[in-house]
Amino acid sequence: MRVAPVMRKKLEDGLAPVRLDINDDSHRHAGHAGHNHEGESHFSIVVVSDAFAGKSRVERHRMVNRLLAEELAGRVHALALTTLTPEEDAK
């Protein structure tokens, strides 16, 4: 089963983002800890959601990590997160 579509569904359901970009960066981490030669071990994710309003960067990342806890406990080794409100994204 591919991990990226599962993560997309969880983030869409949990945060109702107006923008969601998920990129598999695993190829950049060959030879590093947690790398999986099949991919889907390292991701960069941009989430733009009203759910982040009034939250610190740490709180926003925790929200994403909670939603993706199962994936982080399994195949996904690392996430590079950008978490913005729509107003922040418009700047």
N, C-alpha and C. Protein backbone atom coordinates (compact mmCIF):
# COMPACT_ATOMS: atom_id res chain seq x y z
N MET A 1 0.85 -1.19 0.00
CA MET A 1 0.00 0.00 0.00
C MET A 1 0.89 1.24 0.00
N ARG A 2 0.56 2.19 -0.84
CA ARG A 2 1.29 3.45 -0.90
C ARG A 2 0.92 4.32 0.30
N VAL A 3 1.91 4.96 0.88
CA VAL A 3 1.72 5.75 2.09
C VAL A 3 1.17 7.15 1.78
N ALA A 4 1.64 7.77 0.70
CA ALA A 4 1.26 9.15 0.39
C ALA A 4 -0.26 9.35 0.27
N PRO A 5 -0.99 8.48 -0.43
CA PRO A 5 -2.44 8.68 -0.50
C PRO A 5 -3.13 8.56 0.87
N VAL A 6 -2.62 7.69 1.72
CA VAL A 6 -3.18 7.53 3.07
C VAL A 6 -2.93 8.82 3.87
N MET A 7 -1.73 9.35 3.77
CA MET A 7 -1.42 10.60 4.48
C MET A 7 -2.29 11.73 3.96
N ARG A 8 -2.45 11.81 2.65
CA ARG A 8 -3.30 12.86 2.05
C ARG A 8 -4.72 12.80 2.62
N LYS A 9 -5.29 11.61 2.67
CA LYS A 9 -6.66 11.44 3.18
C LYS A 9 -6.75 11.87 4.64
N LYS A 10 -5.80 11.45 5.45
CA LYS A 10 -5.83 11.81 6.87
C LYS A 10 -5.70 13.32 7.07
N LEU A 11 -4.81 13.95 6.32
CA LEU A 11 -4.62 15.40 6.46
C LEU A 11 -5.84 16.16 5.93
N GLU A 12 -6.41 15.69 4.84
CA GLU A 12 -7.62 16.34 4.31
C GLU A 12 -8.78 16.21 5.30
N ASP A 13 -8.97 15.04 5.85
CA ASP A 13 -10.06 14.82 6.81
C ASP A 13 -9.84 15.58 8.11
N GLY A 14 -8.59 15.63 8.57
CA GLY A 14 -8.30 16.23 9.87
C GLY A 14 -8.11 17.74 9.87
N LEU A 15 -7.70 18.30 8.73
CA LEU A 15 -7.36 19.72 8.70
C LEU A 15 -8.12 20.53 7.65
N ALA A 16 -8.84 19.88 6.77
CA ALA A 16 -9.58 20.56 5.69
C ALA A 16 -8.71 21.64 5.03
N PRO A 17 -7.55 21.24 4.51
CA PRO A 17 -6.64 22.24 3.95
C PRO A 17 -7.16 22.86 2.66
N VAL A 18 -6.76 24.11 2.44
CA VAL A 18 -7.05 24.77 1.17
C VAL A 18 -5.92 24.50 0.19
N ARG A 19 -4.80 24.04 0.73
CA ARG A 19 -3.66 23.62 -0.10
C ARG A 19 -2.94 22.51 0.64
N LEU A 20 -2.59 21.47 -0.11
CA LEU A 20 -1.87 20.34 0.47
C LEU A 20 -0.92 19.78 -0.58
N ASP A 21 0.38 19.94 -0.34
CA ASP A 21 1.41 19.42 -1.23
C ASP A 21 2.20 18.36 -0.47
N ILE A 22 2.27 17.17 -1.03
CA ILE A 22 3.03 16.08 -0.42
C ILE A 22 4.06 15.61 -1.43
N ASN A 23 5.33 15.72 -1.09
CA ASN A 23 6.41 15.31 -1.98
C ASN A 23 7.26 14.23 -1.33
N ASP A 24 7.49 13.16 -2.06
CA ASP A 24 8.35 12.08 -1.60
C ASP A 24 9.80 12.48 -1.90
N ASP A 25 10.56 12.76 -0.85
CA ASP A 25 11.95 13.16 -0.98
C ASP A 25 12.92 12.02 -0.66
N SER A 26 12.42 10.81 -0.63
CA SER A 26 13.23 9.66 -0.20
C SER A 26 14.50 9.51 -1.01
N HIS A 27 14.44 9.80 -2.30
CA HIS A 27 15.61 9.65 -3.16
C HIS A 27 16.78 10.53 -2.72
N ARG A 28 16.49 11.61 -2.01
CA ARG A 28 17.53 12.52 -1.53
C ARG A 28 18.23 11.98 -0.28
N HIS A 29 17.70 10.91 0.29
CA HIS A 29 18.21 10.41 1.56
C HIS A 29 18.81 9.02 1.47
N ALA A 30 19.17 8.60 0.27
CA ALA A 30 19.81 7.30 0.09
C ALA A 30 21.05 7.22 0.95
N GLY A 31 21.17 6.16 1.72
CA GLY A 31 22.31 5.97 2.60
C GLY A 31 22.14 6.58 3.98
N HIS A 32 21.07 7.34 4.19
CA HIS A 32 20.82 7.95 5.50
C HIS A 32 19.93 7.04 6.34
N ALA A 33 19.89 7.31 7.62
CA ALA A 33 19.05 6.53 8.53
C ALA A 33 17.60 6.59 8.10
N GLY A 34 16.94 5.46 8.17
CA GLY A 34 15.51 5.41 7.88
C GLY A 34 15.17 5.35 6.40
N HIS A 35 16.16 5.43 5.52
CA HIS A 35 15.88 5.41 4.08
C HIS A 35 15.34 4.04 3.68
N ASN A 36 14.34 4.06 2.84
CA ASN A 36 13.76 2.84 2.29
C ASN A 36 14.00 2.88 0.79
N HIS A 37 14.66 1.88 0.24
CA HIS A 37 14.98 1.89 -1.19
C HIS A 37 13.74 1.91 -2.08
N GLU A 38 12.59 1.55 -1.53
CA GLU A 38 11.33 1.59 -2.28
C GLU A 38 10.68 2.97 -2.23
N GLY A 39 11.26 3.88 -1.48
CA GLY A 39 10.71 5.23 -1.36
C GLY A 39 9.72 5.34 -0.22
N GLU A 40 9.07 6.49 -0.16
CA GLU A 40 8.06 6.78 0.86
C GLU A 40 8.58 6.65 2.29
N SER A 41 9.79 7.15 2.52
CA SER A 41 10.32 7.17 3.88
C SER A 41 10.56 8.61 4.36
N HIS A 42 10.81 9.52 3.43
CA HIS A 42 11.08 10.92 3.74
C HIS A 42 10.17 11.80 2.88
N PHE A 43 9.43 12.69 3.53
CA PHE A 43 8.48 13.53 2.82
C PHE A 43 8.64 15.00 3.19
N SER A 44 8.35 15.87 2.24
CA SER A 44 8.15 17.29 2.56
C SER A 44 6.67 17.57 2.30
N ILE A 45 6.04 18.23 3.26
CA ILE A 45 4.60 18.47 3.20
C ILE A 45 4.32 19.94 3.48
N VAL A 46 3.51 20.54 2.63
CA VAL A 46 3.00 21.89 2.84
C VAL A 46 1.51 21.77 3.09
N VAL A 47 1.07 22.28 4.24
CA VAL A 47 -0.35 22.26 4.59
C VAL A 47 -0.78 23.70 4.88
N VAL A 48 -1.80 24.15 4.16
CA VAL A 48 -2.37 25.47 4.40
C VAL A 48 -3.81 25.25 4.87
N SER A 49 -4.08 25.66 6.11
CA SER A 49 -5.39 25.37 6.70
C SER A 49 -5.78 26.43 7.73
N ASP A 50 -7.06 26.72 7.79
CA ASP A 50 -7.59 27.60 8.83
C ASP A 50 -7.43 26.98 10.21
N ALA A 51 -7.27 25.66 10.27
CA ALA A 51 -7.12 24.97 11.56
C ALA A 51 -5.87 25.42 12.31
N PHE A 52 -4.92 26.05 11.61
CA PHE A 52 -3.68 26.50 12.24
C PHE A 52 -3.78 27.90 12.84
N ALA A 53 -4.88 28.57 12.64
CA ALA A 53 -5.03 29.94 13.15
C ALA A 53 -4.84 29.97 14.66
N GLY A 54 -4.01 30.89 15.12
CA GLY A 54 -3.77 31.05 16.55
C GLY A 54 -2.86 30.01 17.17
N LYS A 55 -2.29 29.13 16.38
CA LYS A 55 -1.43 28.07 16.89
C LYS A 55 0.04 28.40 16.58
N SER A 56 0.92 28.00 17.48
CA SER A 56 2.35 28.16 17.25
C SER A 56 2.82 27.13 16.22
N ARG A 57 4.02 27.32 15.73
CA ARG A 57 4.58 26.36 14.77
C ARG A 57 4.66 24.96 15.40
N VAL A 58 5.07 24.89 16.65
CA VAL A 58 5.17 23.60 17.34
C VAL A 58 3.79 22.95 17.46
N GLU A 59 2.78 23.72 17.83
CA GLU A 59 1.42 23.18 17.93
C GLU A 59 0.93 22.67 16.58
N ARG A 60 1.23 23.39 15.52
CA ARG A 60 0.82 22.99 14.17
C ARG A 60 1.48 21.67 13.77
N HIS A 61 2.76 21.57 14.05
CA HIS A 61 3.48 20.33 13.71
C HIS A 61 2.94 19.16 14.53
N ARG A 62 2.62 19.42 15.77
CA ARG A 62 2.05 18.34 16.60
C ARG A 62 0.71 17.88 16.05
N MET A 63 -0.08 18.81 15.54
CA MET A 63 -1.37 18.45 14.94
C MET A 63 -1.15 17.50 13.77
N VAL A 64 -0.21 17.83 12.91
CA VAL A 64 0.09 16.97 11.75
C VAL A 64 0.65 15.63 12.22
N ASN A 65 1.58 15.67 13.16
CA ASN A 65 2.18 14.42 13.65
C ASN A 65 1.14 13.50 14.29
N ARG A 66 0.18 14.08 15.00
CA ARG A 66 -0.88 13.25 15.59
C ARG A 66 -1.70 12.56 14.50
N LEU A 67 -2.03 13.30 13.46
CA LEU A 67 -2.81 12.72 12.37
C LEU A 67 -2.05 11.62 11.63
N LEU A 68 -0.74 11.75 11.59
CA LEU A 68 0.09 10.79 10.84
C LEU A 68 0.88 9.85 11.75
N ALA A 69 0.44 9.70 12.98
CA ALA A 69 1.17 8.90 13.97
C ALA A 69 1.41 7.47 13.50
N GLU A 70 0.43 6.87 12.89
CA GLU A 70 0.57 5.48 12.44
C GLU A 70 1.65 5.35 11.36
N GLU A 71 1.67 6.31 10.44
CA GLU A 71 2.67 6.28 9.37
C GLU A 71 4.06 6.55 9.92
N LEU A 72 4.16 7.47 10.88
CA LEU A 72 5.45 7.79 11.50
C LEU A 72 5.98 6.63 12.34
N ALA A 73 5.09 5.81 12.85
CA ALA A 73 5.50 4.63 13.61
C ALA A 73 5.90 3.48 12.69
N GLY A 74 5.61 3.63 11.41
CA GLY A 74 5.92 2.58 10.44
C GLY A 74 6.96 3.02 9.44
N ARG A 75 6.56 3.07 8.20
CA ARG A 75 7.47 3.29 7.09
C ARG A 75 8.04 4.71 7.00
N VAL A 76 7.29 5.70 7.41
CA VAL A 76 7.73 7.10 7.27
C VAL A 76 8.75 7.43 8.36
N HIS A 77 9.92 7.84 7.92
CA HIS A 77 11.01 8.15 8.85
C HIS A 77 11.08 9.64 9.18
N ALA A 78 10.75 10.50 8.20
CA ALA A 78 10.93 11.93 8.42
C ALA A 78 9.94 12.75 7.62
N LEU A 79 9.49 13.85 8.24
CA LEU A 79 8.63 14.83 7.59
C LEU A 79 9.28 16.20 7.71
N ALA A 80 9.34 16.91 6.60
CA ALA A 80 9.72 18.33 6.62
C ALA A 80 8.41 19.08 6.42
N LEU A 81 7.97 19.79 7.44
CA LEU A 81 6.64 20.40 7.42
C LEU A 81 6.69 21.91 7.25
N THR A 82 5.79 22.39 6.41
CA THR A 82 5.47 23.81 6.32
C THR A 82 3.98 23.91 6.61
N THR A 83 3.63 24.59 7.68
CA THR A 83 2.23 24.68 8.12
C THR A 83 1.84 26.14 8.20
N LEU A 84 0.87 26.52 7.38
CA LEU A 84 0.48 27.93 7.27
C LEU A 84 -1.03 28.10 7.31
N THR A 85 -1.45 29.28 7.73
CA THR A 85 -2.86 29.65 7.55
C THR A 85 -2.99 30.21 6.13
N PRO A 86 -4.20 30.30 5.60
CA PRO A 86 -4.36 30.88 4.26
C PRO A 86 -3.81 32.31 4.17
N GLU A 87 -3.96 33.07 5.23
CA GLU A 87 -3.44 34.45 5.24
C GLU A 87 -1.92 34.47 5.15
N GLU A 88 -1.26 33.56 5.88
CA GLU A 88 0.20 33.47 5.83
C GLU A 88 0.68 33.02 4.46
N ASP A 89 -0.05 32.11 3.86
CA ASP A 89 0.31 31.59 2.54
C ASP A 89 0.17 32.65 1.46
N ALA A 90 -0.74 33.59 1.65
CA ALA A 90 -1.00 34.64 0.66
C ALA A 90 0.10 35.70 0.64
N LYS A 91 0.92 35.77 1.68
CA LYS A 91 1.97 36.79 1.78
C LYS A 91 3.14 36.50 0.86
